[in-house]
């Protein structure tokens, strides 16, 4: 398998692992959340300002991090391959 293809597959796997872990952590936190109604009775806030599930921001950042990680991985694998050939 070529270095670039392998780097893209590893980058994809790492990004999928990150997304699954982020979702899993959020899901577990949601399942285990127990609001303290008595302590919050005096503190009235707008619910919209307090509730966030997931992340906010542009999903385009994942494309840039995927490309950047693939480039870094390809350069690293190419360097390792060149070092092994010279020995």
C-alpha atoms as a PDB file:
ATOM      1  CA  UNK A   1       0.000   0.000   0.000  1.00  0.00           C
ATOM      2  CA  UNK A   2       1.321   3.425  -0.852  1.00  0.00           C
ATOM      3  CA  UNK A   3       2.374   5.803   1.891  1.00  0.00           C
ATOM      4  CA  UNK A   4      -0.260   8.432   1.022  1.00  0.00           C
ATOM      5  CA  UNK A   5      -3.105   5.921   1.020  1.00  0.00           C
ATOM      6  CA  UNK A   6      -1.974   4.462   4.326  1.00  0.00           C
ATOM      7  CA  UNK A   7      -1.641   7.977   5.819  1.00  0.00           C
ATOM      8  CA  UNK A   8      -5.178   8.898   4.696  1.00  0.00           C
ATOM      9  CA  UNK A   9      -6.602   5.670   6.150  1.00  0.00           C
ATOM     10  CA  UNK A  10      -4.840   6.202   9.483  1.00  0.00           C
ATOM     11  CA  UNK A  11      -6.008   9.825   9.574  1.00  0.00           C
ATOM     12  CA  UNK A  12      -9.582   8.713   8.872  1.00  0.00           C
ATOM     13  CA  UNK A  13      -9.403   6.051  11.583  1.00  0.00           C
ATOM     14  CA  UNK A  14      -8.070   8.540  14.141  1.00  0.00           C
ATOM     15  CA  UNK A  15     -10.775  11.082  13.297  1.00  0.00           C
ATOM     16  CA  UNK A  16     -13.501   8.438  13.562  1.00  0.00           C
ATOM     17  CA  UNK A  17     -12.086   7.318  16.899  1.00  0.00           C
ATOM     18  CA  UNK A  18     -12.158  10.932  18.105  1.00  0.00           C
ATOM     19  CA  UNK A  19     -15.770  11.453  16.980  1.00  0.00           C
ATOM     20  CA  UNK A  20     -16.964   8.181  18.525  1.00  0.00           C
ATOM     21  CA  UNK A  21     -15.151   8.949  21.800  1.00  0.00           C
ATOM     22  CA  UNK A  22     -16.604  12.478  21.919  1.00  0.00           C
ATOM     23  CA  UNK A  23     -20.106  11.153  21.301  1.00  0.00           C
ATOM     24  CA  UNK A  24     -19.640   8.343  23.818  1.00  0.00           C
ATOM     25  CA  UNK A  25     -18.422  10.658  26.577  1.00  0.00           C
ATOM     26  CA  UNK A  26     -21.325  13.035  25.964  1.00  0.00           C
ATOM     27  CA  UNK A  27     -23.796  10.160  25.964  1.00  0.00           C
ATOM     28  CA  UNK A  28     -22.453   8.760  29.240  1.00  0.00           C
ATOM     29  CA  UNK A  29     -22.518  12.200  30.861  1.00  0.00           C
ATOM     30  CA  UNK A  30     -26.117  12.670  29.712  1.00  0.00           C
ATOM     31  CA  UNK A  31     -27.168   9.305  31.134  1.00  0.00           C
ATOM     32  CA  UNK A  32     -25.523   9.988  34.501  1.00  0.00           C
ATOM     33  CA  UNK A  33     -26.675  13.598  34.912  1.00  0.00           C
ATOM     34  CA  UNK A  34     -28.825  14.261  37.952  1.00  0.00           C
ATOM     35  CA  UNK A  35     -29.896  17.875  38.373  1.00  0.00           C
ATOM     36  CA  UNK A  36     -29.744  19.360  41.857  1.00  0.00           C
ATOM     37  CA  UNK A  37     -33.135  21.083  41.824  1.00  0.00           C
ATOM     38  CA  UNK A  38     -33.033  22.287  45.432  1.00  0.00           C
ATOM     39  CA  UNK A  39     -29.673  24.041  45.062  1.00  0.00           C
ATOM     40  CA  UNK A  40     -30.687  25.615  41.757  1.00  0.00           C
ATOM     41  CA  UNK A  41     -34.083  26.879  42.929  1.00  0.00           C
ATOM     42  CA  UNK A  42     -32.709  30.328  43.790  1.00  0.00           C
ATOM     43  CA  UNK A  43     -30.637  30.570  40.596  1.00  0.00           C
ATOM     44  CA  UNK A  44     -33.027  31.119  37.698  1.00  0.00           C
ATOM     45  CA  UNK A  45     -31.274  31.296  34.330  1.00  0.00           C
ATOM     46  CA  UNK A  46     -32.415  30.930  30.785  1.00  0.00           C
ATOM     47  CA  UNK A  47     -32.141  27.273  29.839  1.00  0.00           C
ATOM     48  CA  UNK A  48     -30.892  28.065  26.361  1.00  0.00           C
ATOM     49  CA  UNK A  49     -27.731  29.645  27.775  1.00  0.00           C
ATOM     50  CA  UNK A  50     -26.925  26.632  29.939  1.00  0.00           C
ATOM     51  CA  UNK A  51     -27.594  23.664  27.668  1.00  0.00           C
ATOM     52  CA  UNK A  52     -25.026  22.550  25.093  1.00  0.00           C
ATOM     53  CA  UNK A  53     -24.746  19.048  23.717  1.00  0.00           C
ATOM     54  CA  UNK A  54     -21.721  18.414  21.533  1.00  0.00           C
ATOM     55  CA  UNK A  55     -19.476  21.083  20.155  1.00  0.00           C
ATOM     56  CA  UNK A  56     -20.194  24.332  18.430  1.00  0.00           C
ATOM     57  CA  UNK A  57     -18.286  25.627  15.476  1.00  0.00           C
ATOM     58  CA  UNK A  58     -17.747  24.843  11.844  1.00  0.00           C
ATOM     59  CA  UNK A  59     -17.486  21.205  10.785  1.00  0.00           C
ATOM     60  CA  UNK A  60     -15.026  22.329   8.101  1.00  0.00           C
ATOM     61  CA  UNK A  61     -12.277  22.238  10.735  1.00  0.00           C
ATOM     62  CA  UNK A  62     -12.405  18.426  10.604  1.00  0.00           C
ATOM     63  CA  UNK A  63     -11.551  18.501   6.905  1.00  0.00           C
ATOM     64  CA  UNK A  64      -8.505  20.665   7.585  1.00  0.00           C
ATOM     65  CA  UNK A  65      -7.349  18.521  10.508  1.00  0.00           C
ATOM     66  CA  UNK A  66      -7.857  15.359   8.431  1.00  0.00           C
ATOM     67  CA  UNK A  67      -5.727  16.747   5.596  1.00  0.00           C
ATOM     68  CA  UNK A  68      -3.105  18.108   7.984  1.00  0.00           C
ATOM     69  CA  UNK A  69      -2.835  14.852   9.922  1.00  0.00           C
ATOM     70  CA  UNK A  70      -2.597  12.864   6.686  1.00  0.00           C
ATOM     71  CA  UNK A  71       0.269  15.099   5.511  1.00  0.00           C
ATOM     72  CA  UNK A  72       2.118  14.801   8.825  1.00  0.00           C
ATOM     73  CA  UNK A  73       1.644  11.010   8.866  1.00  0.00           C
ATOM     74  CA  UNK A  74       2.807  10.687   5.243  1.00  0.00           C
ATOM     75  CA  UNK A  75       5.910  12.764   5.937  1.00  0.00           C
ATOM     76  CA  UNK A  76       6.663  10.690   9.028  1.00  0.00           C
ATOM     77  CA  UNK A  77       6.225   7.399   7.195  1.00  0.00           C
ATOM     78  CA  UNK A  78       8.333   8.645   4.273  1.00  0.00           C
ATOM     79  CA  UNK A  79      11.099   9.698   6.678  1.00  0.00           C
ATOM     80  CA  UNK A  80      11.028   6.325   8.436  1.00  0.00           C
ATOM     81  CA  UNK A  81      11.151   4.542   5.080  1.00  0.00           C
ATOM     82  CA  UNK A  82      14.168   6.618   3.980  1.00  0.00           C
ATOM     83  CA  UNK A  83      15.981   5.948   7.274  1.00  0.00           C
ATOM     84  CA  UNK A  84      15.380   2.200   6.942  1.00  0.00           C
ATOM     85  CA  UNK A  85      16.719   2.179   3.365  1.00  0.00           C
ATOM     86  CA  UNK A  86      19.960   3.919   4.350  1.00  0.00           C
ATOM     87  CA  UNK A  87      20.749   1.405   7.102  1.00  0.00           C
END
